[in-house]
Amino acid sequence: MTTVPLLCAREIPVTGSMPLCIRV
């Protein structure tokens, strides 16, 4: 995916949410 614009951000830290998680 070399020509696709990509952005990384932090998920908000909600109490009890799934740890060690990557979302897209």
PDB file of all heavy atoms in Angstrom:
ATOM      1  N   MET A   1       0.850  -1.199   0.000  1.00  0.00           N
ATOM      2  CA  MET A   1       0.000   0.000   0.000  1.00  0.00           C
ATOM      3  C   MET A   1       0.886   1.250   0.000  1.00  0.00           C
ATOM      4  O   MET A   1       0.842   2.062   0.909  1.00  0.00           O
ATOM      5  CB  MET A   1      -0.944  -0.022   1.213  1.00  0.00           C
ATOM      6  CG  MET A   1      -1.963  -1.128   1.168  1.00  0.00           C
ATOM      7  SD  MET A   1      -3.033  -1.183   2.629  1.00  0.00           S
ATOM      8  CE  MET A   1      -4.144   0.155   2.281  1.00  0.00           C
ATOM      9  N   THR A   2       1.671   1.386  -1.059  1.00  0.00           N
ATOM     10  CA  THR A   2       2.685   2.444  -1.089  1.00  0.00           C
ATOM     11  C   THR A   2       2.154   3.793  -1.552  1.00  0.00           C
ATOM     12  O   THR A   2       2.779   4.823  -1.295  1.00  0.00           O
ATOM     13  CB  THR A   2       3.855   2.031  -1.990  1.00  0.00           C
ATOM     14  OG1 THR A   2       3.352   1.736  -3.289  1.00  0.00           O
ATOM     15  CG2 THR A   2       4.563   0.805  -1.424  1.00  0.00           C
ATOM     16  N   THR A   3       1.012   3.832  -2.229  1.00  0.00           N
ATOM     17  CA  THR A   3       0.458   5.101  -2.694  1.00  0.00           C
ATOM     18  C   THR A   3      -0.813   5.498  -1.957  1.00  0.00           C
ATOM     19  O   THR A   3      -1.411   6.530  -2.272  1.00  0.00           O
ATOM     20  CB  THR A   3       0.165   5.055  -4.205  1.00  0.00           C
ATOM     21  OG1 THR A   3      -0.798   4.038  -4.460  1.00  0.00           O
ATOM     22  CG2 THR A   3       1.443   4.797  -5.002  1.00  0.00           C
ATOM     23  N   VAL A   4      -1.213   4.703  -0.970  1.00  0.00           N
ATOM     24  CA  VAL A   4      -2.421   4.979  -0.189  1.00  0.00           C
ATOM     25  C   VAL A   4      -2.056   5.896   0.982  1.00  0.00           C
ATOM     26  O   VAL A   4      -1.130   5.592   1.732  1.00  0.00           O
ATOM     27  CB  VAL A   4      -3.037   3.663   0.353  1.00  0.00           C
ATOM     28  CG1 VAL A   4      -4.247   3.951   1.229  1.00  0.00           C
ATOM     29  CG2 VAL A   4      -3.400   2.729  -0.790  1.00  0.00           C
ATOM     30  N   PRO A   5      -2.765   7.011   1.163  1.00  0.00           N
ATOM     31  CA  PRO A   5      -2.512   7.838   2.339  1.00  0.00           C
ATOM     32  C   PRO A   5      -2.890   7.070   3.610  1.00  0.00           C
ATOM     33  O   PRO A   5      -3.994   6.518   3.710  1.00  0.00           O
ATOM     34  CB  PRO A   5      -3.428   9.047   2.146  1.00  0.00           C
ATOM     35  CG  PRO A   5      -3.747   9.070   0.692  1.00  0.00           C
ATOM     36  CD  PRO A   5      -3.740   7.633   0.261  1.00  0.00           C
ATOM     37  N   LEU A   6      -1.967   7.031   4.564  1.00  0.00           N
ATOM     38  CA  LEU A   6      -2.165   6.292   5.805  1.00  0.00           C
ATOM     39  C   LEU A   6      -1.992   7.225   6.994  1.00  0.00           C
ATOM     40  O   LEU A   6      -1.152   8.126   6.959  1.00  0.00           O
ATOM     41  CB  LEU A   6      -1.144   5.153   5.918  1.00  0.00           C
ATOM     42  CG  LEU A   6      -1.068   4.188   4.738  1.00  0.00           C
ATOM     43  CD1 LEU A   6       0.071   3.205   4.951  1.00  0.00           C
ATOM     44  CD2 LEU A   6      -2.385   3.461   4.547  1.00  0.00           C
ATOM     45  N   LEU A   7      -2.755   6.993   8.043  1.00  0.00           N
ATOM     46  CA  LEU A   7      -2.675   7.806   9.249  1.00  0.00           C
ATOM     47  C   LEU A   7      -2.767   6.895  10.458  1.00  0.00           C
ATOM     48  O   LEU A   7      -3.615   5.983  10.483  1.00  0.00           O
ATOM     49  CB  LEU A   7      -3.825   8.823   9.275  1.00  0.00           C
ATOM     50  CG  LEU A   7      -3.958   9.693  10.521  1.00  0.00           C
ATOM     51  CD1 LEU A   7      -2.783  10.673  10.607  1.00  0.00           C
ATOM     52  CD2 LEU A   7      -5.272  10.445  10.512  1.00  0.00           C
ATOM     53  N   CYS A   8      -1.921   7.126  11.444  1.00  0.00           N
ATOM     54  CA  CYS A   8      -1.982   6.389  12.705  1.00  0.00           C
ATOM     55  C   CYS A   8      -2.348   7.354  13.826  1.00  0.00           C
ATOM     56  O   CYS A   8      -1.905   8.498  13.846  1.00  0.00           O
ATOM     57  CB  CYS A   8      -0.641   5.741  13.027  1.00  0.00           C
ATOM     58  SG  CYS A   8      -0.164   4.445  11.881  1.00  0.00           S
ATOM     59  N   ALA A   9      -3.162   6.873  14.768  1.00  0.00           N
ATOM     60  CA  ALA A   9      -3.581   7.678  15.909  1.00  0.00           C
ATOM     61  C   ALA A   9      -3.778   6.753  17.108  1.00  0.00           C
ATOM     62  O   ALA A   9      -3.774   5.531  16.975  1.00  0.00           O
ATOM     63  CB  ALA A   9      -4.877   8.414  15.589  1.00  0.00           C
ATOM     64  N   ARG A  10      -3.967   7.364  18.257  1.00  0.00           N
ATOM     65  CA  ARG A  10      -4.244   6.606  19.472  1.00  0.00           C
ATOM     66  C   ARG A  10      -5.741   6.491  19.689  1.00  0.00           C
ATOM     67  O   ARG A  10      -6.494   7.438  19.476  1.00  0.00           O
ATOM     68  CB  ARG A  10      -3.638   7.310  20.679  1.00  0.00           C
ATOM     69  CG  ARG A  10      -2.213   6.990  20.872  1.00  0.00           C
ATOM     70  CD  ARG A  10      -1.875   7.188  22.323  1.00  0.00           C
ATOM     71  NE  ARG A  10      -0.614   6.532  22.583  1.00  0.00           N
ATOM     72  CZ  ARG A  10       0.241   6.954  23.471  1.00  0.00           C
ATOM     73  NH1 ARG A  10      -0.029   8.033  24.177  1.00  0.00           N
ATOM     74  NH2 ARG A  10       1.349   6.308  23.668  1.00  0.00           N
ATOM     75  N   GLU A  11      -6.131   5.331  20.142  1.00  0.00           N
ATOM     76  CA  GLU A  11      -7.517   5.086  20.533  1.00  0.00           C
ATOM     77  C   GLU A  11      -7.736   5.750  21.901  1.00  0.00           C
ATOM     78  O   GLU A  11      -6.815   5.816  22.711  1.00  0.00           O
ATOM     79  CB  GLU A  11      -7.733   3.571  20.637  1.00  0.00           C
ATOM     80  CG  GLU A  11      -9.150   3.132  20.730  1.00  0.00           C
ATOM     81  CD  GLU A  11      -9.926   3.296  19.429  1.00  0.00           C
ATOM     82  OE1 GLU A  11      -9.341   3.225  18.343  1.00  0.00           O
ATOM     83  OE2 GLU A  11     -11.148   3.487  19.532  1.00  0.00           O
ATOM     84  N   ILE A  12      -8.933   6.250  22.163  1.00  0.00           N
ATOM     85  CA  ILE A  12      -9.169   6.839  23.482  1.00  0.00           C
ATOM     86  C   ILE A  12      -9.131   5.735  24.533  1.00  0.00           C
ATOM     87  O   ILE A  12      -9.597   4.612  24.296  1.00  0.00           O
ATOM     88  CB  ILE A  12     -10.480   7.638  23.534  1.00  0.00           C
ATOM     89  CG1 ILE A  12     -11.690   6.760  23.228  1.00  0.00           C
ATOM     90  CG2 ILE A  12     -10.423   8.833  22.607  1.00  0.00           C
ATOM     91  CD1 ILE A  12     -13.020   7.454  23.473  1.00  0.00           C
ATOM     92  N   PRO A  13      -8.535   6.010  25.693  1.00  0.00           N
ATOM     93  CA  PRO A  13      -8.355   4.972  26.721  1.00  0.00           C
ATOM     94  C   PRO A  13      -9.614   4.765  27.579  1.00  0.00           C
ATOM     95  O   PRO A  13      -9.722   5.275  28.686  1.00  0.00           O
ATOM     96  CB  PRO A  13      -7.195   5.506  27.553  1.00  0.00           C
ATOM     97  CG  PRO A  13      -7.283   6.991  27.413  1.00  0.00           C
ATOM     98  CD  PRO A  13      -7.840   7.246  26.036  1.00  0.00           C
ATOM     99  N   VAL A  14     -10.560   4.018  27.060  1.00  0.00           N
ATOM    100  CA  VAL A  14     -11.807   3.748  27.770  1.00  0.00           C
ATOM    101  C   VAL A  14     -11.591   2.615  28.765  1.00  0.00           C
ATOM    102  O   VAL A  14     -11.059   1.553  28.403  1.00  0.00           O
ATOM    103  CB  VAL A  14     -12.933   3.393  26.780  1.00  0.00           C
ATOM    104  CG1 VAL A  14     -14.204   2.980  27.507  1.00  0.00           C
ATOM    105  CG2 VAL A  14     -13.199   4.556  25.839  1.00  0.00           C
ATOM    106  N   THR A  15     -12.003   2.826  29.991  1.00  0.00           N
ATOM    107  CA  THR A  15     -11.874   1.807  31.023  1.00  0.00           C
ATOM    108  C   THR A  15     -12.589   0.526  30.601  1.00  0.00           C
ATOM    109  O   THR A  15     -13.740   0.560  30.169  1.00  0.00           O
ATOM    110  CB  THR A  15     -12.469   2.315  32.356  1.00  0.00           C
ATOM    111  OG1 THR A  15     -11.814   3.525  32.717  1.00  0.00           O
ATOM    112  CG2 THR A  15     -12.307   1.290  33.461  1.00  0.00           C
ATOM    113  N   GLY A  16     -11.866  -0.593  30.691  1.00  0.00           N
ATOM    114  CA  GLY A  16     -12.444  -1.887  30.364  1.00  0.00           C
ATOM    115  C   GLY A  16     -12.395  -2.253  28.888  1.00  0.00           C
ATOM    116  O   GLY A  16     -12.868  -3.321  28.514  1.00  0.00           O
ATOM    117  N   SER A  17     -11.834  -1.381  28.059  1.00  0.00           N
ATOM    118  CA  SER A  17     -11.775  -1.711  26.633  1.00  0.00           C
ATOM    119  C   SER A  17     -10.688  -2.745  26.349  1.00  0.00           C
ATOM    120  O   SER A  17      -9.817  -2.998  27.180  1.00  0.00           O
ATOM    121  CB  SER A  17     -11.541  -0.448  25.799  1.00  0.00           C
ATOM    122  OG  SER A  17     -10.296   0.131  26.120  1.00  0.00           O
ATOM    123  N   MET A  18     -10.749  -3.335  25.167  1.00  0.00           N
ATOM    124  CA  MET A  18      -9.810  -4.378  24.773  1.00  0.00           C
ATOM    125  C   MET A  18      -8.378  -3.827  24.754  1.00  0.00           C
ATOM    126  O   MET A  18      -8.116  -2.819  24.111  1.00  0.00           O
ATOM    127  CB  MET A  18     -10.173  -4.903  23.378  1.00  0.00           C
ATOM    128  CG  MET A  18      -9.269  -6.023  22.910  1.00  0.00           C
ATOM    129  SD  MET A  18      -9.556  -6.536  21.191  1.00  0.00           S
ATOM    130  CE  MET A  18     -11.305  -6.797  21.156  1.00  0.00           C
ATOM    131  N   PRO A  19      -7.460  -4.492  25.452  1.00  0.00           N
ATOM    132  CA  PRO A  19      -6.067  -4.043  25.434  1.00  0.00           C
ATOM    133  C   PRO A  19      -5.336  -4.550  24.189  1.00  0.00           C
ATOM    134  O   PRO A  19      -5.824  -5.436  23.485  1.00  0.00           O
ATOM    135  CB  PRO A  19      -5.480  -4.679  26.693  1.00  0.00           C
ATOM    136  CG  PRO A  19      -6.278  -5.931  26.872  1.00  0.00           C
ATOM    137  CD  PRO A  19      -7.669  -5.597  26.384  1.00  0.00           C
ATOM    138  N   LEU A  20      -4.162  -3.962  23.924  1.00  0.00           N
ATOM    139  CA  LEU A  20      -3.270  -4.417  22.854  1.00  0.00           C
ATOM    140  C   LEU A  20      -4.015  -4.550  21.521  1.00  0.00           C
ATOM    141  O   LEU A  20      -3.881  -5.535  20.805  1.00  0.00           O
ATOM    142  CB  LEU A  20      -2.612  -5.745  23.241  1.00  0.00           C
ATOM    143  CG  LEU A  20      -1.780  -5.716  24.530  1.00  0.00           C
ATOM    144  CD1 LEU A  20      -1.472  -7.128  25.007  1.00  0.00           C
ATOM    145  CD2 LEU A  20      -0.497  -4.922  24.332  1.00  0.00           C
ATOM    146  N   CYS A  21      -4.787  -3.536  21.189  1.00  0.00           N
ATOM    147  CA  CYS A  21      -5.692  -3.603  20.041  1.00  0.00           C
ATOM    148  C   CYS A  21      -5.280  -2.644  18.929  1.00  0.00           C
ATOM    149  O   CYS A  21      -4.918  -1.496  19.184  1.00  0.00           O
ATOM    150  CB  CYS A  21      -7.107  -3.283  20.505  1.00  0.00           C
ATOM    151  SG  CYS A  21      -8.355  -3.507  19.236  1.00  0.00           S
ATOM    152  N   ILE A  22      -5.370  -3.132  17.709  1.00  0.00           N
ATOM    153  CA  ILE A  22      -5.129  -2.351  16.502  1.00  0.00           C
ATOM    154  C   ILE A  22      -6.453  -2.283  15.757  1.00  0.00           C
ATOM    155  O   ILE A  22      -7.087  -3.313  15.516  1.00  0.00           O
ATOM    156  CB  ILE A  22      -4.078  -3.033  15.596  1.00  0.00           C
ATOM    157  CG1 ILE A  22      -2.782  -3.254  16.351  1.00  0.00           C
ATOM    158  CG2 ILE A  22      -3.871  -2.239  14.305  1.00  0.00           C
ATOM    159  CD1 ILE A  22      -1.927  -4.364  15.777  1.00  0.00           C
ATOM    160  N   ARG A  23      -6.857  -1.080  15.390  1.00  0.00           N
ATOM    161  CA  ARG A  23      -8.080  -0.901  14.616  1.00  0.00           C
ATOM    162  C   ARG A  23      -7.741  -0.196  13.310  1.00  0.00           C
ATOM    163  O   ARG A  23      -6.781   0.561  13.241  1.00  0.00           O
ATOM    164  CB  ARG A  23      -9.100  -0.086  15.409  1.00  0.00           C
ATOM    165  CG  ARG A  23      -9.641  -0.818  16.617  1.00  0.00           C
ATOM    166  CD  ARG A  23     -10.627   0.063  17.395  1.00  0.00           C
ATOM    167  NE  ARG A  23     -11.263  -0.668  18.465  1.00  0.00           N
ATOM    168  CZ  ARG A  23     -10.756  -0.817  19.689  1.00  0.00           C
ATOM    169  NH1 ARG A  23      -9.586  -0.278  19.989  1.00  0.00           N
ATOM    170  NH2 ARG A  23     -11.401  -1.506  20.602  1.00  0.00           N
ATOM    171  N   VAL A  24      -8.559  -0.440  12.293  1.00  0.00           N
ATOM    172  CA  VAL A  24      -8.361   0.238  11.012  1.00  0.00           C
ATOM    173  C   VAL A  24      -9.710   0.604  10.420  1.00  0.00           C
ATOM    174  O   VAL A  24     -10.701  -0.121  10.591  1.00  0.00           O
ATOM    175  CB  VAL A  24      -7.544  -0.616  10.016  1.00  0.00           C
ATOM    176  CG1 VAL A  24      -8.297  -1.868   9.601  1.00  0.00           C
ATOM    177  CG2 VAL A  24      -7.146   0.195   8.795  1.00  0.00           C
TER     178      VAL A  24
END
